[in-house]
């Protein structure tokens, strides 16, 4: 996920390794915090969420100290576009071997995706939710009731004979 980050940051090899180690530590700490929330230990969920936020803020401060004032905004932008970057990588892997994207095309595509996401935020209409739930319920009932109704009308001897 952070493989191409090094070409956007002005970091030495040692600093890049330190950044990767910090990112790994942050991910593991947040994963541990999430697992403890789901363990059912009886801890207050609001307090656990606040602890996770504090943990993330602590690691973000460490990353900011490592990167400095010039590279930290670049890192934040890179992190915000991680989902778009993964989508572009999947798109690239689906392309035929003779059709490749240049780095500039990748960046343009990622920028366009981010711009469109901002221009058209995801919204969910209550009507769409209700209609979806209605059709799901009707489909579930039809899939469960119709075969049961047919089976109930059959003579058990005939059903076993055809088996």
N, C-alpha and C. Protein backbone atom coordinates (compact mmCIF):
# COMPACT_ATOMS: atom_id res chain seq x y z
N UNK A 1 0.82 -1.19 0.00
CA UNK A 1 0.00 0.00 0.00
C UNK A 1 0.87 1.26 0.00
N UNK A 2 1.99 1.19 0.68
CA UNK A 2 2.87 2.36 0.75
C UNK A 2 4.10 2.19 -0.13
N UNK A 3 4.05 1.24 -1.06
CA UNK A 3 5.21 0.95 -1.89
C UNK A 3 5.71 2.13 -2.71
N UNK A 4 4.81 2.88 -3.30
CA UNK A 4 5.23 3.99 -4.16
C UNK A 4 5.35 5.31 -3.41
N UNK A 5 5.17 5.29 -2.10
CA UNK A 5 5.24 6.52 -1.32
C UNK A 5 6.63 7.14 -1.37
N UNK A 6 7.64 6.31 -1.47
CA UNK A 6 9.02 6.83 -1.41
C UNK A 6 9.33 7.80 -2.54
N UNK A 7 8.67 7.66 -3.68
CA UNK A 7 8.97 8.58 -4.78
C UNK A 7 8.34 9.97 -4.59
N UNK A 8 7.45 10.10 -3.60
CA UNK A 8 6.83 11.39 -3.32
C UNK A 8 7.49 12.12 -2.16
N UNK A 9 8.25 11.38 -1.35
CA UNK A 9 8.87 11.96 -0.17
C UNK A 9 10.36 12.13 -0.37
N UNK A 10 10.91 13.14 0.24
CA UNK A 10 12.35 13.40 0.16
C UNK A 10 13.03 12.78 1.38
N UNK A 11 13.05 11.44 1.44
CA UNK A 11 13.59 10.75 2.60
C UNK A 11 14.79 9.90 2.22
N UNK A 12 15.69 9.77 3.17
CA UNK A 12 16.81 8.84 2.99
C UNK A 12 16.28 7.41 3.15
N UNK A 13 17.10 6.46 2.80
CA UNK A 13 16.71 5.06 2.92
C UNK A 13 16.41 4.71 4.38
N UNK A 14 17.24 5.21 5.30
CA UNK A 14 17.02 4.93 6.72
C UNK A 14 15.72 5.55 7.22
N UNK A 15 15.44 6.79 6.79
CA UNK A 15 14.20 7.44 7.21
C UNK A 15 12.99 6.72 6.63
N UNK A 16 13.11 6.24 5.40
CA UNK A 16 12.00 5.50 4.79
C UNK A 16 11.76 4.19 5.54
N UNK A 17 12.83 3.53 5.93
CA UNK A 17 12.70 2.30 6.73
C UNK A 17 12.06 2.61 8.08
N UNK A 18 12.43 3.73 8.68
CA UNK A 18 11.84 4.14 9.96
C UNK A 18 10.35 4.43 9.80
N UNK A 19 9.99 5.07 8.69
CA UNK A 19 8.58 5.35 8.41
C UNK A 19 7.80 4.05 8.25
N UNK A 20 8.35 3.12 7.49
CA UNK A 20 7.66 1.84 7.30
C UNK A 20 7.48 1.11 8.63
N UNK A 21 8.48 1.18 9.49
CA UNK A 21 8.40 0.54 10.80
C UNK A 21 7.33 1.22 11.66
N UNK A 22 7.27 2.55 11.62
CA UNK A 22 6.23 3.28 12.36
C UNK A 22 4.84 2.93 11.85
N UNK A 23 4.69 2.83 10.54
CA UNK A 23 3.39 2.48 9.96
C UNK A 23 2.98 1.08 10.38
N UNK A 24 3.93 0.17 10.40
CA UNK A 24 3.64 -1.19 10.83
C UNK A 24 3.24 -1.22 12.30
N UNK A 25 3.98 -0.51 13.13
CA UNK A 25 3.65 -0.45 14.56
C UNK A 25 2.28 0.17 14.78
N UNK A 26 1.97 1.23 14.03
CA UNK A 26 0.65 1.87 14.16
C UNK A 26 -0.46 0.89 13.79
N UNK A 27 -0.26 0.19 12.68
CA UNK A 27 -1.29 -0.76 12.23
C UNK A 27 -1.49 -1.88 13.25
N UNK A 28 -0.39 -2.40 13.78
CA UNK A 28 -0.50 -3.47 14.77
C UNK A 28 -1.16 -2.97 16.06
N UNK A 29 -0.81 -1.77 16.51
CA UNK A 29 -1.41 -1.22 17.73
C UNK A 29 -2.90 -0.98 17.53
N UNK A 30 -3.29 -0.45 16.37
CA UNK A 30 -4.71 -0.22 16.11
C UNK A 30 -5.46 -1.54 15.96
N UNK A 31 -4.80 -2.54 15.38
CA UNK A 31 -5.44 -3.85 15.27
C UNK A 31 -5.65 -4.45 16.66
N UNK A 32 -4.66 -4.33 17.52
CA UNK A 32 -4.79 -4.83 18.89
C UNK A 32 -5.93 -4.10 19.63
N UNK A 33 -6.01 -2.79 19.44
CA UNK A 33 -7.09 -2.02 20.06
C UNK A 33 -8.45 -2.47 19.55
N UNK A 34 -8.55 -2.71 18.26
CA UNK A 34 -9.81 -3.19 17.69
C UNK A 34 -10.18 -4.57 18.18
N UNK A 35 -9.19 -5.44 18.29
CA UNK A 35 -9.46 -6.80 18.78
C UNK A 35 -9.90 -6.76 20.24
N UNK A 36 -9.32 -5.88 21.03
CA UNK A 36 -9.73 -5.79 22.44
C UNK A 36 -11.16 -5.27 22.55
N UNK A 37 -11.57 -4.40 21.61
CA UNK A 37 -12.95 -3.91 21.63
C UNK A 37 -13.92 -5.04 21.30
N UNK A 38 -13.52 -5.95 20.43
CA UNK A 38 -14.41 -7.03 20.01
C UNK A 38 -14.31 -8.27 20.89
N UNK A 39 -13.41 -8.28 21.85
CA UNK A 39 -13.20 -9.47 22.66
C UNK A 39 -14.33 -9.72 23.66
N UNK A 40 -15.15 -8.73 23.90
CA UNK A 40 -16.25 -8.90 24.84
C UNK A 40 -15.77 -8.86 26.28
N UNK A 41 -14.70 -8.14 26.54
CA UNK A 41 -14.15 -8.08 27.89
C UNK A 41 -14.96 -7.18 28.81
N UNK A 42 -15.97 -6.53 28.30
CA UNK A 42 -16.81 -5.68 29.12
C UNK A 42 -16.31 -4.25 29.22
N UNK A 43 -15.29 -3.91 28.46
CA UNK A 43 -14.76 -2.55 28.49
C UNK A 43 -15.76 -1.60 27.84
N UNK A 44 -15.74 -0.37 28.29
CA UNK A 44 -16.64 0.65 27.75
C UNK A 44 -16.26 0.93 26.29
N UNK A 45 -17.19 0.73 25.36
CA UNK A 45 -16.86 0.94 23.94
C UNK A 45 -16.45 2.37 23.62
N UNK A 46 -17.06 3.34 24.28
CA UNK A 46 -16.70 4.74 24.02
C UNK A 46 -15.28 5.02 24.49
N UNK A 47 -14.92 4.46 25.63
CA UNK A 47 -13.57 4.66 26.14
C UNK A 47 -12.56 3.94 25.24
N UNK A 48 -12.91 2.75 24.78
CA UNK A 48 -12.01 2.01 23.89
C UNK A 48 -11.81 2.75 22.58
N UNK A 49 -12.88 3.36 22.05
CA UNK A 49 -12.76 4.14 20.82
C UNK A 49 -11.91 5.38 21.05
N UNK A 50 -12.08 6.01 22.21
CA UNK A 50 -11.26 7.19 22.54
C UNK A 50 -9.79 6.79 22.68
N UNK A 51 -9.54 5.63 23.28
CA UNK A 51 -8.16 5.14 23.41
C UNK A 51 -7.54 4.88 22.04
N UNK A 52 -8.33 4.31 21.13
CA UNK A 52 -7.83 4.04 19.78
C UNK A 52 -7.53 5.35 19.05
N UNK A 53 -8.38 6.35 19.24
CA UNK A 53 -8.14 7.66 18.62
C UNK A 53 -6.87 8.29 19.18
N UNK A 54 -6.67 8.17 20.49
CA UNK A 54 -5.47 8.72 21.11
C UNK A 54 -4.22 7.99 20.61
N UNK A 55 -4.35 6.69 20.45
CA UNK A 55 -3.24 5.88 19.94
C UNK A 55 -2.87 6.31 18.53
N UNK A 56 -3.89 6.50 17.69
CA UNK A 56 -3.64 6.93 16.32
C UNK A 56 -3.00 8.33 16.30
N UNK A 57 -3.51 9.22 17.15
CA UNK A 57 -2.95 10.58 17.21
C UNK A 57 -1.49 10.54 17.65
N UNK A 58 -1.17 9.64 18.58
CA UNK A 58 0.21 9.51 19.05
C UNK A 58 1.13 9.06 17.91
N UNK A 59 0.69 8.06 17.17
CA UNK A 59 1.51 7.59 16.04
C UNK A 59 1.57 8.62 14.92
N UNK A 60 0.48 9.34 14.69
CA UNK A 60 0.51 10.40 13.67
C UNK A 60 1.50 11.49 14.05
N UNK A 61 1.60 11.79 15.34
CA UNK A 61 2.58 12.78 15.81
C UNK A 61 4.00 12.27 15.57
N UNK A 62 4.24 10.99 15.84
CA UNK A 62 5.56 10.41 15.59
C UNK A 62 5.92 10.46 14.10
N UNK A 63 4.93 10.17 13.26
CA UNK A 63 5.15 10.21 11.81
C UNK A 63 5.42 11.65 11.38
N UNK A 64 4.67 12.58 11.93
CA UNK A 64 4.87 13.99 11.59
C UNK A 64 6.26 14.46 12.01
N UNK A 65 6.71 14.03 13.18
CA UNK A 65 8.06 14.40 13.64
C UNK A 65 9.13 13.82 12.72
N UNK A 66 8.90 12.61 12.23
CA UNK A 66 9.87 11.97 11.34
C UNK A 66 9.90 12.65 9.97
N UNK A 67 8.74 12.94 9.43
CA UNK A 67 8.67 13.48 8.06
C UNK A 67 8.95 14.98 7.98
N UNK A 68 8.60 15.70 8.99
CA UNK A 68 8.81 17.14 8.95
C UNK A 68 7.63 17.86 8.32
N UNK A 69 7.67 19.20 8.34
CA UNK A 69 6.52 19.99 7.87
C UNK A 69 6.30 19.92 6.36
N UNK A 70 7.33 19.60 5.57
CA UNK A 70 7.13 19.56 4.12
C UNK A 70 6.55 18.23 3.65
N UNK A 71 7.04 17.13 4.20
CA UNK A 71 6.63 15.82 3.72
C UNK A 71 5.38 15.28 4.38
N UNK A 72 5.02 15.78 5.57
CA UNK A 72 3.85 15.24 6.26
C UNK A 72 2.55 15.49 5.48
N UNK A 73 2.30 16.68 4.91
CA UNK A 73 1.09 16.86 4.10
C UNK A 73 1.06 15.93 2.88
N UNK A 74 2.22 15.67 2.30
CA UNK A 74 2.30 14.75 1.16
C UNK A 74 1.88 13.35 1.63
N UNK A 75 2.36 12.95 2.79
CA UNK A 75 2.00 11.65 3.36
C UNK A 75 0.49 11.57 3.62
N UNK A 76 -0.08 12.65 4.19
CA UNK A 76 -1.52 12.66 4.47
C UNK A 76 -2.33 12.53 3.19
N UNK A 77 -1.95 13.25 2.15
CA UNK A 77 -2.64 13.15 0.87
C UNK A 77 -2.53 11.75 0.30
N UNK A 78 -1.34 11.16 0.43
CA UNK A 78 -1.12 9.80 -0.06
C UNK A 78 -2.02 8.82 0.70
N UNK A 79 -2.12 8.98 2.00
CA UNK A 79 -2.95 8.09 2.81
C UNK A 79 -4.43 8.25 2.48
N UNK A 80 -4.87 9.49 2.22
CA UNK A 80 -6.27 9.72 1.88
C UNK A 80 -6.64 9.09 0.55
N UNK A 81 -5.67 8.95 -0.34
CA UNK A 81 -5.96 8.40 -1.67
C UNK A 81 -5.62 6.91 -1.76
N UNK A 82 -5.45 6.25 -0.61
CA UNK A 82 -5.06 4.84 -0.61
C UNK A 82 -6.09 3.96 -1.32
N UNK A 83 -7.37 4.19 -1.08
CA UNK A 83 -8.41 3.37 -1.72
C UNK A 83 -8.39 3.56 -3.24
N UNK A 84 -8.21 4.80 -3.68
CA UNK A 84 -8.14 5.06 -5.11
C UNK A 84 -6.89 4.42 -5.72
N UNK A 85 -5.80 4.45 -4.99
CA UNK A 85 -4.56 3.84 -5.47
C UNK A 85 -4.72 2.33 -5.63
N UNK A 86 -5.40 1.70 -4.67
CA UNK A 86 -5.63 0.26 -4.78
C UNK A 86 -6.54 -0.06 -5.97
N UNK A 87 -7.53 0.78 -6.20
CA UNK A 87 -8.42 0.58 -7.35
C UNK A 87 -7.63 0.68 -8.66
N UNK A 88 -6.75 1.65 -8.74
CA UNK A 88 -5.94 1.82 -9.94
C UNK A 88 -5.00 0.62 -10.12
N UNK A 89 -4.45 0.11 -9.02
CA UNK A 89 -3.58 -1.06 -9.12
C UNK A 89 -4.35 -2.28 -9.62
N UNK A 90 -5.59 -2.46 -9.16
CA UNK A 90 -6.41 -3.57 -9.66
C UNK A 90 -6.73 -3.37 -11.13
N UNK A 91 -7.01 -2.12 -11.51
CA UNK A 91 -7.27 -1.82 -12.91
C UNK A 91 -6.05 -2.14 -13.77
N UNK A 92 -4.86 -1.74 -13.28
CA UNK A 92 -3.62 -2.01 -14.03
C UNK A 92 -3.38 -3.51 -14.20
N UNK A 93 -3.70 -4.28 -13.17
CA UNK A 93 -3.47 -5.73 -13.27
C UNK A 93 -4.45 -6.38 -14.23
N UNK A 94 -5.58 -5.74 -14.49
CA UNK A 94 -6.55 -6.29 -15.42
C UNK A 94 -6.26 -5.91 -16.87
N UNK A 95 -5.35 -4.97 -17.07
CA UNK A 95 -5.02 -4.54 -18.43
C UNK A 95 -4.20 -5.62 -19.13
N UNK A 96 -4.34 -5.72 -20.44
CA UNK A 96 -3.49 -6.64 -21.19
C UNK A 96 -2.02 -6.21 -21.10
N UNK A 97 -1.12 -7.12 -21.40
CA UNK A 97 0.31 -6.87 -21.24
C UNK A 97 0.80 -5.71 -22.12
N UNK A 98 0.19 -5.52 -23.28
CA UNK A 98 0.66 -4.47 -24.18
C UNK A 98 0.05 -3.10 -23.86
N UNK A 99 -0.85 -3.03 -22.90
CA UNK A 99 -1.47 -1.76 -22.51
C UNK A 99 -1.08 -1.46 -21.07
N UNK A 100 -0.23 -0.49 -20.89
CA UNK A 100 0.20 -0.13 -19.54
C UNK A 100 -0.08 1.34 -19.28
N UNK A 101 -0.12 1.69 -18.02
CA UNK A 101 -0.30 3.08 -17.62
C UNK A 101 1.04 3.66 -17.20
N UNK A 102 1.28 4.89 -17.61
CA UNK A 102 2.49 5.58 -17.15
C UNK A 102 2.22 6.10 -15.74
N UNK A 103 3.27 6.52 -15.07
CA UNK A 103 3.10 7.09 -13.72
C UNK A 103 2.22 8.32 -13.76
N UNK A 104 2.38 9.14 -14.80
CA UNK A 104 1.56 10.35 -14.94
C UNK A 104 0.09 9.98 -15.14
N UNK A 105 -0.19 8.96 -15.94
CA UNK A 105 -1.57 8.53 -16.15
C UNK A 105 -2.18 8.00 -14.85
N UNK A 106 -1.39 7.25 -14.09
CA UNK A 106 -1.87 6.76 -12.80
C UNK A 106 -2.25 7.92 -11.88
N UNK A 107 -1.36 8.90 -11.78
CA UNK A 107 -1.63 10.03 -10.90
C UNK A 107 -2.84 10.82 -11.37
N UNK A 108 -2.98 10.98 -12.68
CA UNK A 108 -4.15 11.70 -13.22
C UNK A 108 -5.43 10.94 -12.91
N UNK A 109 -5.38 9.63 -13.03
CA UNK A 109 -6.56 8.81 -12.75
C UNK A 109 -6.92 8.88 -11.27
N UNK A 110 -5.93 8.81 -10.41
CA UNK A 110 -6.18 8.90 -8.97
C UNK A 110 -6.75 10.27 -8.61
N UNK A 111 -6.20 11.33 -9.19
CA UNK A 111 -6.69 12.68 -8.93
C UNK A 111 -8.13 12.83 -9.43
N UNK A 112 -8.44 12.27 -10.58
CA UNK A 112 -9.80 12.35 -11.12
C UNK A 112 -10.78 11.59 -10.23
N UNK A 113 -10.36 10.44 -9.73
CA UNK A 113 -11.23 9.67 -8.84
C UNK A 113 -11.51 10.44 -7.55
N UNK A 114 -10.49 11.05 -6.98
CA UNK A 114 -10.66 11.82 -5.76
C UNK A 114 -11.56 13.03 -6.00
N UNK A 115 -11.38 13.68 -7.13
CA UNK A 115 -12.19 14.85 -7.46
C UNK A 115 -13.66 14.46 -7.63
N UNK A 116 -13.92 13.36 -8.32
CA UNK A 116 -15.29 12.92 -8.52
C UNK A 116 -15.94 12.47 -7.21
N UNK A 117 -15.16 11.87 -6.34
CA UNK A 117 -15.69 11.45 -5.04
C UNK A 117 -16.13 12.67 -4.24
N UNK A 118 -15.36 13.75 -4.31
CA UNK A 118 -15.73 14.97 -3.61
C UNK A 118 -16.95 15.63 -4.25
N UNK A 119 -17.03 15.56 -5.58
CA UNK A 119 -18.13 16.20 -6.30
C UNK A 119 -19.45 15.46 -6.10
N UNK A 120 -19.39 14.15 -5.89
CA UNK A 120 -20.61 13.37 -5.75
C UNK A 120 -20.51 12.49 -4.50
N UNK A 121 -20.81 13.05 -3.34
CA UNK A 121 -20.71 12.25 -2.12
C UNK A 121 -21.77 11.15 -2.10
N UNK A 122 -21.44 10.06 -1.48
CA UNK A 122 -22.37 8.93 -1.40
C UNK A 122 -23.52 9.28 -0.47
N UNK A 123 -24.73 9.10 -0.96
CA UNK A 123 -25.92 9.33 -0.15
C UNK A 123 -26.85 8.14 -0.30
N UNK A 124 -27.65 7.91 0.70
CA UNK A 124 -28.59 6.80 0.67
C UNK A 124 -29.97 7.34 0.99
N UNK A 125 -30.87 7.23 0.04
CA UNK A 125 -32.23 7.69 0.22
C UNK A 125 -33.00 6.68 1.07
N UNK A 126 -33.83 7.15 2.01
CA UNK A 126 -34.64 6.23 2.80
C UNK A 126 -35.58 5.39 1.92
N UNK A 127 -36.05 5.98 0.82
CA UNK A 127 -36.92 5.24 -0.09
C UNK A 127 -36.18 4.05 -0.71
N UNK A 128 -34.94 4.26 -1.11
CA UNK A 128 -34.14 3.18 -1.70
C UNK A 128 -33.93 2.07 -0.67
N UNK A 129 -33.66 2.44 0.56
CA UNK A 129 -33.46 1.44 1.62
C UNK A 129 -34.74 0.64 1.84
N UNK A 130 -35.87 1.32 1.92
CA UNK A 130 -37.15 0.63 2.14
C UNK A 130 -37.50 -0.31 0.98
N UNK A 131 -37.33 0.16 -0.24
CA UNK A 131 -37.64 -0.68 -1.41
C UNK A 131 -36.71 -1.89 -1.45
N UNK A 132 -35.44 -1.68 -1.15
CA UNK A 132 -34.49 -2.79 -1.14
C UNK A 132 -34.86 -3.82 -0.09
N UNK A 133 -35.21 -3.36 1.10
CA UNK A 133 -35.61 -4.29 2.16
C UNK A 133 -36.88 -5.04 1.79
N UNK A 134 -37.82 -4.35 1.17
CA UNK A 134 -39.07 -5.00 0.76
C UNK A 134 -38.81 -6.11 -0.25
N UNK A 135 -38.04 -5.82 -1.29
CA UNK A 135 -37.77 -6.84 -2.30
C UNK A 135 -36.92 -7.98 -1.74
N UNK A 136 -36.03 -7.68 -0.82
CA UNK A 136 -35.25 -8.75 -0.19
C UNK A 136 -36.15 -9.67 0.63
N UNK A 137 -37.08 -9.08 1.35
CA UNK A 137 -38.01 -9.88 2.16
C UNK A 137 -38.91 -10.73 1.27
N UNK A 138 -39.44 -10.14 0.20
CA UNK A 138 -40.31 -10.89 -0.71
C UNK A 138 -39.54 -12.04 -1.36
N UNK A 139 -38.32 -11.78 -1.80
CA UNK A 139 -37.51 -12.83 -2.41
C UNK A 139 -37.20 -13.93 -1.41
N UNK A 140 -36.85 -13.57 -0.18
CA UNK A 140 -36.56 -14.57 0.85
C UNK A 140 -37.77 -15.41 1.19
N UNK A 141 -38.92 -14.77 1.32
CA UNK A 141 -40.13 -15.51 1.62
C UNK A 141 -40.51 -16.44 0.46
N UNK A 142 -40.41 -15.94 -0.76
CA UNK A 142 -40.75 -16.77 -1.92
C UNK A 142 -39.80 -17.96 -2.02
N UNK A 143 -38.54 -17.74 -1.77
CA UNK A 143 -37.56 -18.82 -1.87
C UNK A 143 -37.74 -19.84 -0.76
N UNK A 144 -38.29 -19.44 0.36
CA UNK A 144 -38.49 -20.39 1.46
C UNK A 144 -39.86 -21.01 1.48
N UNK A 145 -40.89 -20.24 1.18
CA UNK A 145 -42.26 -20.73 1.31
C UNK A 145 -42.69 -21.58 0.11
N UNK A 146 -42.35 -21.18 -1.11
CA UNK A 146 -42.83 -21.91 -2.28
C UNK A 146 -42.35 -23.37 -2.29
N UNK A 147 -41.07 -23.66 -2.09
CA UNK A 147 -40.67 -25.08 -2.07
C UNK A 147 -41.30 -25.84 -0.90
N UNK A 148 -41.47 -25.20 0.24
CA UNK A 148 -42.10 -25.87 1.38
C UNK A 148 -43.57 -26.16 1.09
N UNK A 149 -44.24 -25.24 0.45
CA UNK A 149 -45.65 -25.44 0.10
C UNK A 149 -45.80 -26.60 -0.89
N UNK A 150 -44.90 -26.64 -1.90
CA UNK A 150 -44.93 -27.75 -2.87
C UNK A 150 -44.66 -29.09 -2.19
N UNK A 151 -43.70 -29.12 -1.29
CA UNK A 151 -43.36 -30.36 -0.60
C UNK A 151 -44.50 -30.81 0.30
N UNK A 152 -45.21 -29.88 0.91
CA UNK A 152 -46.31 -30.23 1.80
C UNK A 152 -47.48 -30.84 1.02
N UNK A 153 -47.66 -30.49 -0.23
CA UNK A 153 -48.75 -31.01 -1.04
C UNK A 153 -48.46 -32.39 -1.61
N UNK A 154 -47.18 -32.80 -1.59
CA UNK A 154 -46.81 -34.08 -2.20
C UNK A 154 -47.15 -35.24 -1.28
N UNK A 155 -47.44 -36.37 -1.90
CA UNK A 155 -47.62 -37.62 -1.18
C UNK A 155 -46.22 -38.13 -0.81
N UNK A 156 -45.96 -38.43 0.48
CA UNK A 156 -44.62 -38.85 0.88
C UNK A 156 -44.13 -40.11 0.14
N UNK A 157 -45.03 -41.02 -0.15
CA UNK A 157 -44.64 -42.26 -0.85
C UNK A 157 -44.18 -41.93 -2.27
N UNK A 158 -44.89 -41.02 -2.95
CA UNK A 158 -44.48 -40.63 -4.29
C UNK A 158 -43.15 -39.88 -4.27
N UNK A 159 -42.96 -39.06 -3.27
CA UNK A 159 -41.70 -38.29 -3.17
C UNK A 159 -40.52 -39.23 -2.97
N UNK A 160 -40.70 -40.27 -2.13
CA UNK A 160 -39.61 -41.21 -1.89
C UNK A 160 -39.38 -42.12 -3.10
N UNK A 161 -40.45 -42.44 -3.82
CA UNK A 161 -40.33 -43.30 -4.99
C UNK A 161 -39.51 -42.61 -6.09
N UNK A 162 -39.70 -41.30 -6.25
CA UNK A 162 -38.97 -40.53 -7.28
C UNK A 162 -37.56 -40.21 -6.87
N UNK A 163 -37.24 -40.40 -5.65
CA UNK A 163 -35.91 -40.08 -5.12
C UNK A 163 -34.84 -40.96 -5.62
